[in-house]
Structures are given as C-alpha cells and as structure tokens.
Amino acid sequence: ILGIPDINQILIKIKRGRLLPTGIFKLLFGKKNITRI
C-alpha cells in the first residue's frame, strides 16, 4: 500500500508551478505541515 503526503497543500501556494525564486522554499519547509495523505 502506498500513501503519499498531500503535496498539493504546498503546490497550491506556488505561483504558476515555478520553483524559483521562492517555490523551492515553500516545498522544502511546507512538508512538515501537511495534514492529509
């Protein structure tokens, strides 16, 4: 069985899907606050 953290809780805040300049930090530091899988 494979469950993954709902990374969309972070991606929804990343404008136009761009990791740079700030999206990468939202992705790295947001994982610990994910509440759904």
Full PDB file with SEQRES, HELIX, SHEET, SSBOND, CRYST1, ORIGX, SCALE, CONECT and MASTER records, all heavy atoms in Angstrom:
SEQRES   1 A   37  ILE LEU GLY ILE PRO ASP ILE ASN GLN ILE LEU ILE LYS          
SEQRES   2 A   37  ILE LYS ARG GLY ARG LEU LEU PRO THR GLY ILE PHE LYS          
SEQRES   3 A   37  LEU LEU PHE GLY LYS LYS ASN ILE THR ARG ILE                  
HELIX    1 AA1 ASN A    8  LEU A   11  1                                   4    
HELIX    2 AA2 LYS A   15  GLY A   17  5                                   3    
HELIX    3 AA3 GLY A   23  GLY A   30  1                                   8    
HELIX    4 AA4 LYS A   31  ASN A   33  5                                   3    
CRYST1    1.000    1.000    1.000  90.00  90.00  90.00 P 1           1          
ORIGX1      1.000000  0.000000  0.000000        0.00000                         
ORIGX2      0.000000  1.000000  0.000000        0.00000                         
ORIGX3      0.000000  0.000000  1.000000        0.00000                         
SCALE1      1.000000  0.000000  0.000000        0.00000                         
SCALE2      0.000000  1.000000  0.000000        0.00000                         
SCALE3      0.000000  0.000000  1.000000        0.00000                         
ATOM      1  N   ILE A   1       0.859  -1.172   0.000  1.00  0.00           N  
ATOM      2  CA  ILE A   1       0.000   0.000   0.000  1.00  0.00           C  
ATOM      3  C   ILE A   1       0.897   1.224   0.000  1.00  0.00           C  
ATOM      4  O   ILE A   1       1.939   1.237   0.665  1.00  0.00           O  
ATOM      5  CB  ILE A   1      -0.954   0.004   1.219  1.00  0.00           C  
ATOM      6  CG1 ILE A   1      -2.010   1.106   1.084  1.00  0.00           C  
ATOM      7  CG2 ILE A   1      -0.196   0.137   2.528  1.00  0.00           C  
ATOM      8  CD1 ILE A   1      -3.130   0.985   2.122  1.00  0.00           C  
ATOM      9  N   LEU A   2       0.513   2.227  -0.781  1.00  0.00           N  
ATOM     10  CA  LEU A   2       1.301   3.446  -0.870  1.00  0.00           C  
ATOM     11  C   LEU A   2       0.432   4.657  -0.577  1.00  0.00           C  
ATOM     12  O   LEU A   2      -0.539   4.921  -1.295  1.00  0.00           O  
ATOM     13  CB  LEU A   2       1.926   3.587  -2.266  1.00  0.00           C  
ATOM     14  CG  LEU A   2       2.637   4.922  -2.559  1.00  0.00           C  
ATOM     15  CD1 LEU A   2       3.794   5.132  -1.590  1.00  0.00           C  
ATOM     16  CD2 LEU A   2       3.127   4.959  -4.006  1.00  0.00           C  
ATOM     17  N   GLY A   3       0.776   5.341   0.494  1.00  0.00           N  
ATOM     18  CA  GLY A   3       0.158   6.623   0.799  1.00  0.00           C  
ATOM     19  C   GLY A   3       1.216   7.705   0.714  1.00  0.00           C  
ATOM     20  O   GLY A   3       2.352   7.505   1.152  1.00  0.00           O  
ATOM     21  N   ILE A   4       0.854   8.831   0.122  1.00  0.00           N  
ATOM     22  CA  ILE A   4       1.815   9.926   0.000  1.00  0.00           C  
ATOM     23  C   ILE A   4       1.248  11.183   0.647  1.00  0.00           C  
ATOM     24  O   ILE A   4       0.031  11.395   0.660  1.00  0.00           O  
ATOM     25  CB  ILE A   4       2.179  10.219  -1.472  1.00  0.00           C  
ATOM     26  CG1 ILE A   4       0.924  10.576  -2.275  1.00  0.00           C  
ATOM     27  CG2 ILE A   4       2.925   9.040  -2.082  1.00  0.00           C  
ATOM     28  CD1 ILE A   4       1.222  11.068  -3.677  1.00  0.00           C  
ATOM     29  N   PRO A   5       2.108  12.035   1.219  1.00  0.00           N  
ATOM     30  CA  PRO A   5       1.621  13.301   1.763  1.00  0.00           C  
ATOM     31  C   PRO A   5       0.950  14.125   0.662  1.00  0.00           C  
ATOM     32  O   PRO A   5       1.390  14.102  -0.496  1.00  0.00           O  
ATOM     33  CB  PRO A   5       2.899  13.983   2.264  1.00  0.00           C  
ATOM     34  CG  PRO A   5       3.894  12.872   2.430  1.00  0.00           C  
ATOM     35  CD  PRO A   5       3.557  11.864   1.384  1.00  0.00           C  
ATOM     36  N   ASP A   6      -0.104  14.831   1.012  1.00  0.00           N  
ATOM     37  CA  ASP A   6      -0.822  15.649   0.034  1.00  0.00           C  
ATOM     38  C   ASP A   6      -0.012  16.891  -0.281  1.00  0.00           C  
ATOM     39  O   ASP A   6      -0.249  17.972   0.254  1.00  0.00           O  
ATOM     40  CB  ASP A   6      -2.213  16.025   0.554  1.00  0.00           C  
ATOM     41  CG  ASP A   6      -2.980  16.862  -0.463  1.00  0.00           C  
ATOM     42  OD1 ASP A   6      -2.665  16.766  -1.666  1.00  0.00           O  
ATOM     43  OD2 ASP A   6      -3.878  17.612  -0.051  1.00  0.00           O  
ATOM     44  N   ILE A   7       0.929  16.711  -1.189  1.00  0.00           N  
ATOM     45  CA  ILE A   7       1.842  17.788  -1.557  1.00  0.00           C  
ATOM     46  C   ILE A   7       1.099  18.975  -2.169  1.00  0.00           C  
ATOM     47  O   ILE A   7       1.623  20.094  -2.243  1.00  0.00           O  
ATOM     48  CB  ILE A   7       2.914  17.237  -2.530  1.00  0.00           C  
ATOM     49  CG1 ILE A   7       4.167  18.119  -2.541  1.00  0.00           C  
ATOM     50  CG2 ILE A   7       2.359  17.029  -3.907  1.00  0.00           C  
ATOM     51  CD1 ILE A   7       5.012  17.940  -1.333  1.00  0.00           C  
ATOM     52  N   ASN A   8      -0.151  18.749  -2.598  1.00  0.00           N  
ATOM     53  CA  ASN A   8      -0.942  19.840  -3.168  1.00  0.00           C  
ATOM     54  C   ASN A   8      -1.205  20.958  -2.155  1.00  0.00           C  
ATOM     55  O   ASN A   8      -1.494  22.091  -2.540  1.00  0.00           O  
ATOM     56  CB  ASN A   8      -2.261  19.322  -3.728  1.00  0.00           C  
ATOM     57  CG  ASN A   8      -2.091  18.722  -5.113  1.00  0.00           C  
ATOM     58  OD1 ASN A   8      -0.975  18.551  -5.590  1.00  0.00           O  
ATOM     59  ND2 ASN A   8      -3.192  18.398  -5.763  1.00  0.00           N  
ATOM     60  N   GLN A   9      -1.144  20.621  -0.876  1.00  0.00           N  
ATOM     61  CA  GLN A   9      -1.295  21.663   0.141  1.00  0.00           C  
ATOM     62  C   GLN A   9      -0.185  22.709   0.032  1.00  0.00           C  
ATOM     63  O   GLN A   9      -0.349  23.846   0.476  1.00  0.00           O  
ATOM     64  CB  GLN A   9      -1.293  21.045   1.546  1.00  0.00           C  
ATOM     65  CG  GLN A   9      -2.527  20.211   1.840  1.00  0.00           C  
ATOM     66  CD  GLN A   9      -2.543  19.686   3.271  1.00  0.00           C  
ATOM     67  OE1 GLN A   9      -1.711  20.039   4.092  1.00  0.00           O  
ATOM     68  NE2 GLN A   9      -3.502  18.826   3.566  1.00  0.00           N  
ATOM     69  N   ILE A  10       0.939  22.315  -0.558  1.00  0.00           N  
ATOM     70  CA  ILE A  10       2.043  23.245  -0.786  1.00  0.00           C  
ATOM     71  C   ILE A  10       1.990  23.809  -2.207  1.00  0.00           C  
ATOM     72  O   ILE A  10       2.136  25.009  -2.418  1.00  0.00           O  
ATOM     73  CB  ILE A  10       3.405  22.542  -0.566  1.00  0.00           C  
ATOM     74  CG1 ILE A  10       3.467  21.945   0.841  1.00  0.00           C  
ATOM     75  CG2 ILE A  10       4.560  23.519  -0.781  1.00  0.00           C  
ATOM     76  CD1 ILE A  10       4.662  21.060   1.059  1.00  0.00           C  
ATOM     77  N   LEU A  11       1.755  22.928  -3.188  1.00  0.00           N  
ATOM     78  CA  LEU A  11       1.772  23.366  -4.586  1.00  0.00           C  
ATOM     79  C   LEU A  11       0.740  24.455  -4.860  1.00  0.00           C  
ATOM     80  O   LEU A  11       0.954  25.301  -5.731  1.00  0.00           O  
ATOM     81  CB  LEU A  11       1.520  22.174  -5.516  1.00  0.00           C  
ATOM     82  CG  LEU A  11       2.568  21.059  -5.504  1.00  0.00           C  
ATOM     83  CD1 LEU A  11       2.220  20.005  -6.546  1.00  0.00           C  
ATOM     84  CD2 LEU A  11       3.958  21.614  -5.746  1.00  0.00           C  
ATOM     85  N   ILE A  12      -0.367  24.444  -4.142  1.00  0.00           N  
ATOM     86  CA  ILE A  12      -1.410  25.441  -4.366  1.00  0.00           C  
ATOM     87  C   ILE A  12      -0.905  26.853  -4.077  1.00  0.00           C  
ATOM     88  O   ILE A  12      -1.480  27.850  -4.546  1.00  0.00           O  
ATOM     89  CB  ILE A  12      -2.666  25.103  -3.508  1.00  0.00           C  
ATOM     90  CG1 ILE A  12      -3.902  25.797  -4.082  1.00  0.00           C  
ATOM     91  CG2 ILE A  12      -2.446  25.452  -2.048  1.00  0.00           C  
ATOM     92  CD1 ILE A  12      -5.206  25.312  -3.459  1.00  0.00           C  
ATOM     93  N   LYS A  13       0.198  26.938  -3.323  1.00  0.00           N  
ATOM     94  CA  LYS A  13       0.775  28.242  -2.968  1.00  0.00           C  
ATOM     95  C   LYS A  13       1.947  28.638  -3.871  1.00  0.00           C  
ATOM     96  O   LYS A  13       2.503  29.723  -3.718  1.00  0.00           O  
ATOM     97  CB  LYS A  13       1.259  28.209  -1.510  1.00  0.00           C  
ATOM     98  CG  LYS A  13       0.171  27.862  -0.500  1.00  0.00           C  
ATOM     99  CD  LYS A  13       0.761  27.686   0.890  1.00  0.00           C  
ATOM    100  CE  LYS A  13      -0.299  27.235   1.891  1.00  0.00           C  
ATOM    101  NZ  LYS A  13       0.296  26.980   3.238  1.00  0.00           N  
ATOM    102  N   ILE A  14       2.320  27.743  -4.800  1.00  0.00           N  
ATOM    103  CA  ILE A  14       3.459  28.014  -5.676  1.00  0.00           C  
ATOM    104  C   ILE A  14       2.954  28.576  -6.998  1.00  0.00           C  
ATOM    105  O   ILE A  14       2.388  27.852  -7.813  1.00  0.00           O  
ATOM    106  CB  ILE A  14       4.309  26.749  -5.896  1.00  0.00           C  
ATOM    107  CG1 ILE A  14       4.875  26.272  -4.555  1.00  0.00           C  
ATOM    108  CG2 ILE A  14       5.429  27.009  -6.888  1.00  0.00           C  
ATOM    109  CD1 ILE A  14       5.707  25.013  -4.641  1.00  0.00           C  
ATOM    110  N   LYS A  15       3.147  29.842  -7.205  1.00  0.00           N  
ATOM    111  CA  LYS A  15       2.580  30.549  -8.353  1.00  0.00           C  
ATOM    112  C   LYS A  15       3.094  29.989  -9.670  1.00  0.00           C  
ATOM    113  O   LYS A  15       4.292  29.858  -9.882  1.00  0.00           O  
ATOM    114  CB  LYS A  15       2.906  32.042  -8.252  1.00  0.00           C  
ATOM    115  CG  LYS A  15       2.165  32.898  -9.270  1.00  0.00           C  
ATOM    116  CD  LYS A  15       2.419  34.371  -9.031  1.00  0.00           C  
ATOM    117  CE  LYS A  15       1.643  35.223 -10.032  1.00  0.00           C  
ATOM    118  NZ  LYS A  15       1.862  36.670  -9.815  1.00  0.00           N  
ATOM    119  N   ARG A  16       2.134  29.604 -10.524  1.00  0.00           N  
ATOM    120  CA  ARG A  16       2.402  29.114 -11.876  1.00  0.00           C  
ATOM    121  C   ARG A  16       3.373  27.930 -11.902  1.00  0.00           C  
ATOM    122  O   ARG A  16       4.026  27.660 -12.905  1.00  0.00           O  
ATOM    123  CB  ARG A  16       2.907  30.247 -12.776  1.00  0.00           C  
ATOM    124  CG  ARG A  16       1.914  31.401 -12.904  1.00  0.00           C  
ATOM    125  CD  ARG A  16       2.412  32.511 -13.801  1.00  0.00           C  
ATOM    126  NE  ARG A  16       2.345  32.131 -15.211  1.00  0.00           N  
ATOM    127  CZ  ARG A  16       1.250  32.174 -15.967  1.00  0.00           C  
ATOM    128  NH1 ARG A  16       0.092  32.555 -15.433  1.00  0.00           N  
ATOM    129  NH2 ARG A  16       1.287  31.835 -17.238  1.00  0.00           N  
ATOM    130  N   GLY A  17       3.466  27.203 -10.782  1.00  0.00           N  
ATOM    131  CA  GLY A  17       4.265  25.990 -10.737  1.00  0.00           C  
ATOM    132  C   GLY A  17       5.761  26.208 -10.827  1.00  0.00           C  
ATOM    133  O   GLY A  17       6.507  25.268 -11.127  1.00  0.00           O  
ATOM    134  N   ARG A  18       6.220  27.428 -10.554  1.00  0.00           N  
ATOM    135  CA  ARG A  18       7.654  27.710 -10.654  1.00  0.00           C  
ATOM    136  C   ARG A  18       8.334  27.535  -9.304  1.00  0.00           C  
ATOM    137  O   ARG A  18       7.927  28.129  -8.313  1.00  0.00           O  
ATOM    138  CB  ARG A  18       7.870  29.142 -11.133  1.00  0.00           C  
ATOM    139  CG  ARG A  18       8.075  29.324 -12.631  1.00  0.00           C  
ATOM    140  CD  ARG A  18       7.026  28.711 -13.480  1.00  0.00           C  
ATOM    141  NE  ARG A  18       7.206  29.094 -14.910  1.00  0.00           N  
ATOM    142  CZ  ARG A  18       6.283  28.933 -15.806  1.00  0.00           C  
ATOM    143  NH1 ARG A  18       5.126  28.390 -15.481  1.00  0.00           N  
ATOM    144  NH2 ARG A  18       6.500  29.286 -17.070  1.00  0.00           N  
ATOM    145  N   LEU A  19       9.388  26.731  -9.281  1.00  0.00           N  
ATOM    146  CA  LEU A  19      10.130  26.515  -8.037  1.00  0.00           C  
ATOM    147  C   LEU A  19      11.017  27.700  -7.690  1.00  0.00           C  
ATOM    148  O   LEU A  19      11.370  27.889  -6.520  1.00  0.00           O  
ATOM    149  CB  LEU A  19      10.979  25.250  -8.149  1.00  0.00           C  
ATOM    150  CG  LEU A  19      10.202  23.930  -8.078  1.00  0.00           C  
ATOM    151  CD1 LEU A  19      11.149  22.755  -8.291  1.00  0.00           C  
ATOM    152  CD2 LEU A  19       9.470  23.792  -6.754  1.00  0.00           C  
ATOM    153  N   LEU A  20      11.382  28.485  -8.674  1.00  0.00           N  
ATOM    154  CA  LEU A  20      12.235  29.640  -8.422  1.00  0.00           C  
ATOM    155  C   LEU A  20      11.448  30.932  -8.645  1.00  0.00           C  
ATOM    156  O   LEU A  20      10.576  30.986  -9.508  1.00  0.00           O  
ATOM    157  CB  LEU A  20      13.463  29.614  -9.347  1.00  0.00           C  
ATOM    158  CG  LEU A  20      14.386  28.395  -9.186  1.00  0.00           C  
ATOM    159  CD1 LEU A  20      15.483  28.431 -10.250  1.00  0.00           C  
ATOM    160  CD2 LEU A  20      14.999  28.358  -7.794  1.00  0.00           C  
ATOM    161  N   PRO A  21      11.699  31.963  -7.831  1.00  0.00           N  
ATOM    162  CA  PRO A  21      12.752  32.014  -6.808  1.00  0.00           C  
ATOM    163  C   PRO A  21      12.322  31.509  -5.434  1.00  0.00           C  
ATOM    164  O   PRO A  21      13.163  31.174  -4.607  1.00  0.00           O  
ATOM    165  CB  PRO A  21      13.068  33.508  -6.744  1.00  0.00           C  
ATOM    166  CG  PRO A  21      11.766  34.162  -7.070  1.00  0.00           C  
ATOM    167  CD  PRO A  21      11.100  33.284  -8.090  1.00  0.00           C  
ATOM    168  N   THR A  22      10.999  31.469  -5.133  1.00  0.00           N  
ATOM    169  CA  THR A  22      10.579  31.152  -3.760  1.00  0.00           C  
ATOM    170  C   THR A  22       9.875  29.801  -3.626  1.00  0.00           C  
ATOM    171  O   THR A  22       9.736  29.284  -2.526  1.00  0.00           O  
ATOM    172  CB  THR A  22       9.638  32.245  -3.227  1.00  0.00           C  
ATOM    173  OG1 THR A  22       8.472  32.307  -4.078  1.00  0.00           O  
ATOM    174  CG2 THR A  22      10.318  33.593  -3.218  1.00  0.00           C  
ATOM    175  N   GLY A  23       9.458  29.234  -4.743  1.00  0.00           N  
ATOM    176  CA  GLY A  23       8.681  27.992  -4.671  1.00  0.00           C  
ATOM    177  C   GLY A  23       9.423  26.850  -4.014  1.00  0.00           C  
ATOM    178  O   GLY A  23       8.832  26.049  -3.286  1.00  0.00           O  
ATOM    179  N   ILE A  24      10.720  26.763  -4.254  1.00  0.00           N  
ATOM    180  CA  ILE A  24      11.507  25.676  -3.679  1.00  0.00           C  
ATOM    181  C   ILE A  24      11.487  25.717  -2.159  1.00  0.00           C  
ATOM    182  O   ILE A  24      11.443  24.679  -1.491  1.00  0.00           O  
ATOM    183  CB  ILE A  24      12.964  25.724  -4.213  1.00  0.00           C  
ATOM    184  CG1 ILE A  24      13.750  24.503  -3.747  1.00  0.00           C  
ATOM    185  CG2 ILE A  24      13.648  27.024  -3.815  1.00  0.00           C  
ATOM    186  CD1 ILE A  24      13.308  23.220  -4.361  1.00  0.00           C  
ATOM    187  N   PHE A  25      11.469  26.910  -1.575  1.00  0.00           N  
ATOM    188  CA  PHE A  25      11.453  27.030  -0.114  1.00  0.00           C  
ATOM    189  C   PHE A  25      10.082  26.644   0.454  1.00  0.00           C  
ATOM    190  O   PHE A  25      10.005  26.023   1.522  1.00  0.00           O  
ATOM    191  CB  PHE A  25      11.833  28.453   0.292  1.00  0.00           C  
ATOM    192  CG  PHE A  25      13.216  28.842  -0.132  1.00  0.00           C  
ATOM    193  CD1 PHE A  25      13.401  29.722  -1.180  1.00  0.00           C  
ATOM    194  CD2 PHE A  25      14.332  28.307   0.488  1.00  0.00           C  
ATOM    195  CE1 PHE A  25      14.684  30.078  -1.597  1.00  0.00           C  
ATOM    196  CE2 PHE A  25      15.614  28.648   0.083  1.00  0.00           C  
ATOM    197  CZ  PHE A  25      15.785  29.529  -0.963  1.00  0.00           C  
ATOM    198  N   LYS A  26       9.038  26.996  -0.262  1.00  0.00           N  
ATOM    199  CA  LYS A  26       7.699  26.585   0.163  1.00  0.00           C  
ATOM    200  C   LYS A  26       7.593  25.066   0.170  1.00  0.00           C  
ATOM    201  O   LYS A  26       6.985  24.465   1.060  1.00  0.00           O  
ATOM    202  CB  LYS A  26       6.643  27.190  -0.760  1.00  0.00           C  
ATOM    203  CG  LYS A  26       6.516  28.701  -0.645  1.00  0.00           C  
ATOM    204  CD  LYS A  26       5.516  29.251  -1.660  1.00  0.00           C  
ATOM    205  CE  LYS A  26       5.419  30.765  -1.557  1.00  0.00           C  
ATOM    206  NZ  LYS A  26       4.523  31.339  -2.583  1.00  0.00           N  
ATOM    207  N   LEU A  27       8.212  24.447  -0.838  1.00  0.00           N  
ATOM    208  CA  LEU A  27       8.172  22.990  -0.941  1.00  0.00           C  
ATOM    209  C   LEU A  27       8.979  22.332   0.169  1.00  0.00           C  
ATOM    210  O   LEU A  27       8.512  21.390   0.821  1.00  0.00           O  
ATOM    211  CB  LEU A  27       8.711  22.579  -2.310  1.00  0.00           C  
ATOM    212  CG  LEU A  27       8.424  21.155  -2.797  1.00  0.00           C  
ATOM    213  CD1 LEU A  27       6.936  20.917  -2.896  1.00  0.00           C  
ATOM    214  CD2 LEU A  27       9.089  20.918  -4.138  1.00  0.00           C  
ATOM    215  N   LEU A  28      10.173  22.840   0.415  1.00  0.00           N  
ATOM    216  CA  LEU A  28      11.061  22.234   1.408  1.00  0.00           C  
ATOM    217  C   LEU A  28      10.547  22.384   2.833  1.00  0.00           C  
ATOM    218  O   LEU A  28      10.590  21.444   3.629  1.00  0.00           O  
ATOM    219  CB  LEU A  28      12.460  22.850   1.293  1.00  0.00           C  
ATOM    220  CG  LEU A  28      13.266  22.488   0.038  1.00  0.00           C  
ATOM    221  CD1 LEU A  28      14.557  23.293  -0.010  1.00  0.00           C  
ATOM    222  CD2 LEU A  28      13.567  20.998   0.003  1.00  0.00           C  
ATOM    223  N   PHE A  29      10.053  23.581   3.153  1.00  0.00           N  
ATOM    224  CA  PHE A  29       9.667  23.853   4.529  1.00  0.00           C  
ATOM    225  C   PHE A  29       8.194  23.580   4.809  1.00  0.00           C  
ATOM    226  O   PHE A  29       7.767  23.572   5.965  1.00  0.00           O  
ATOM    227  CB  PHE A  29      10.013  25.303   4.884  1.00  0.00           C  
ATOM    228  CG  PHE A  29      11.478  25.599   4.810  1.00  0.00           C  
ATOM    229  CD1 PHE A  29      11.979  26.506   3.885  1.00  0.00           C  
ATOM    230  CD2 PHE A  29      12.379  24.947   5.643  1.00  0.00           C  
ATOM    231  CE1 PHE A  29      13.340  26.775   3.801  1.00  0.00           C  
ATOM    232  CE2 PHE A  29      13.738  25.207   5.569  1.00  0.00           C  
ATOM    233  CZ  PHE A  29      14.226  26.116   4.644  1.00  0.00           C  
ATOM    234  N   GLY A  30       7.416  23.339   3.760  1.00  0.00           N  
ATOM    235  CA  GLY A  30       5.989  23.110   3.964  1.00  0.00           C  
ATOM    236  C   GLY A  30       5.622  21.663   4.246  1.00  0.00           C  
ATOM    237  O   GLY A  30       4.544  21.382   4.773  1.00  0.00           O  
ATOM    238  N   LYS A  31       6.526  20.723   3.932  1.00  0.00           N  
ATOM    239  CA  LYS A  31       6.184  19.307   4.054  1.00  0.00           C  
ATOM    240  C   LYS A  31       5.799  18.906   5.476  1.00  0.00           C  
ATOM    241  O   LYS A  31       4.924  18.062   5.680  1.00  0.00           O  
ATOM    242  CB  LYS A  31       7.352  18.437   3.563  1.00  0.00           C  
ATOM    243  CG  LYS A  31       7.543  18.452   2.070  1.00  0.00           C  
ATOM    244  CD  LYS A  31       8.441  17.335   1.589  1.00  0.00           C  
ATOM    245  CE  LYS A  31       9.841  17.441   2.103  1.00  0.00           C  
ATOM    246  NZ  LYS A  31      10.725  16.363   1.575  1.00  0.00           N  
ATOM    247  N   LYS A  32       6.447  19.521   6.446  1.00  0.00           N  
ATOM    248  CA  LYS A  32       6.199  19.120   7.833  1.00  0.00           C  
ATOM    249  C   LYS A  32       4.810  19.529   8.318  1.00  0.00           C  
ATOM    250  O   LYS A  32       4.359  19.056   9.368  1.00  0.00           O  
ATOM    251  CB  LYS A  32       7.270  19.719   8.744  1.00  0.00           C  
ATOM    252  CG  LYS A  32       7.286  21.229   8.833  1.00  0.00           C  
ATOM    253  CD  LYS A  32       8.394  21.712   9.759  1.00  0.00           C  
ATOM    254  CE  LYS A  32       8.401  23.221   9.913  1.00  0.00           C  
ATOM    255  NZ  LYS A  32       8.691  23.918   8.650  1.00  0.00           N  
ATOM    256  N   ASN A  33       4.150  20.415   7.576  1.00  0.00           N  
ATOM    257  CA  ASN A  33       2.836  20.895   7.993  1.00  0.00           C  
ATOM    258  C   ASN A  33       1.677  20.267   7.224  1.00  0.00           C  
ATOM    259  O   ASN A  33       0.526  20.670   7.391  1.00  0.00           O  
ATOM    260  CB  ASN A  33       2.778  22.424   7.845  1.00  0.00           C  
ATOM    261  CG  ASN A  33       3.748  23.134   8.769  1.00  0.00           C  
ATOM    262  OD1 ASN A  33       3.873  22.765   9.935  1.00  0.00           O  
ATOM    263  ND2 ASN A  33       4.442  24.134   8.256  1.00  0.00           N  
ATOM    264  N   ILE A  34       1.962  19.284   6.381  1.00  0.00           N  
ATOM    265  CA  ILE A  34       0.905  18.612   5.615  1.00  0.00           C  
ATOM    266  C   ILE A  34       0.015  17.806   6.554  1.00  0.00           C  
ATOM    267  O   ILE A  34       0.509  17.081   7.425  1.00  0.00           O  
ATOM    268  CB  ILE A  34       1.527  17.711   4.526  1.00  0.00           C  
ATOM    269  CG1 ILE A  34       2.184  18.586   3.450  1.00  0.00           C  
ATOM    270  CG2 ILE A  34       0.472  16.804   3.905  1.00  0.00           C  
ATOM    271  CD1 ILE A  34       2.925  17.807   2.395  1.00  0.00           C  
ATOM    272  N   THR A  35      -1.289  17.937   6.376  1.00  0.00           N  
ATOM    273  CA  THR A  35      -2.243  17.304   7.298  1.00  0.00           C  
ATOM    274  C   THR A  35      -3.055  16.183   6.673  1.00  0.00           C  
ATOM    275  O   THR A  35      -3.886  15.581   7.355  1.00  0.00           O  
ATOM    276  CB  THR A  35      -3.224  18.354   7.847  1.00  0.00           C  
ATOM    277  OG1 THR A  35      -3.941  18.945   6.751  1.00  0.00           O  
ATOM    278  CG2 THR A  35      -2.489  19.443   8.620  1.00  0.00           C  
ATOM    279  N   ARG A  36      -2.846  15.909   5.379  1.00  0.00           N  
ATOM    280  CA  ARG A  36      -3.620  14.860   4.712  1.00  0.00           C  
ATOM    281  C   ARG A  36      -2.673  13.971   3.911  1.00  0.00           C  
ATOM    282  O   ARG A  36      -1.600  14.395   3.481  1.00  0.00           O  
ATOM    283  CB  ARG A  36      -4.665  15.442   3.756  1.00  0.00           C  
ATOM    284  CG  ARG A  36      -5.483  16.589   4.312  1.00  0.00           C  
ATOM    285  CD  ARG A  36      -6.512  16.143   5.321  1.00  0.00           C  
ATOM    286  NE  ARG A  36      -7.712  15.604   4.692  1.00  0.00           N  
ATOM    287  CZ  ARG A  36      -8.746  15.143   5.373  1.00  0.00           C  
ATOM    288  NH1 ARG A  36      -8.722  15.142   6.697  1.00  0.00           N  
ATOM    289  NH2 ARG A  36      -9.807  14.668   4.762  1.00  0.00           N  
ATOM    290  N   ILE A  37      -3.087  12.736   3.717  1.00  0.00           N  
ATOM    291  CA  ILE A  37      -2.342  11.834   2.848  1.00  0.00           C  
ATOM    292  C   ILE A  37      -3.297  11.255   1.809  1.00  0.00           C  
ATOM    293  O   ILE A  37      -4.511  11.194   2.029  1.00  0.00           O  
ATOM    294  CB  ILE A  37      -1.651  10.687   3.623  1.00  0.00           C  
ATOM    295  CG1 ILE A  37      -2.687   9.809   4.330  1.00  0.00           C  
ATOM    296  CG2 ILE A  37      -0.614  11.213   4.590  1.00  0.00           C  
ATOM    297  CD1 ILE A  37      -2.080   8.554   4.942  1.00  0.00           C  
TER     298      ILE A  37                                                      
MASTER        0    0    0    4    0    0    0    6  297    1    0    3          
END                                                                             
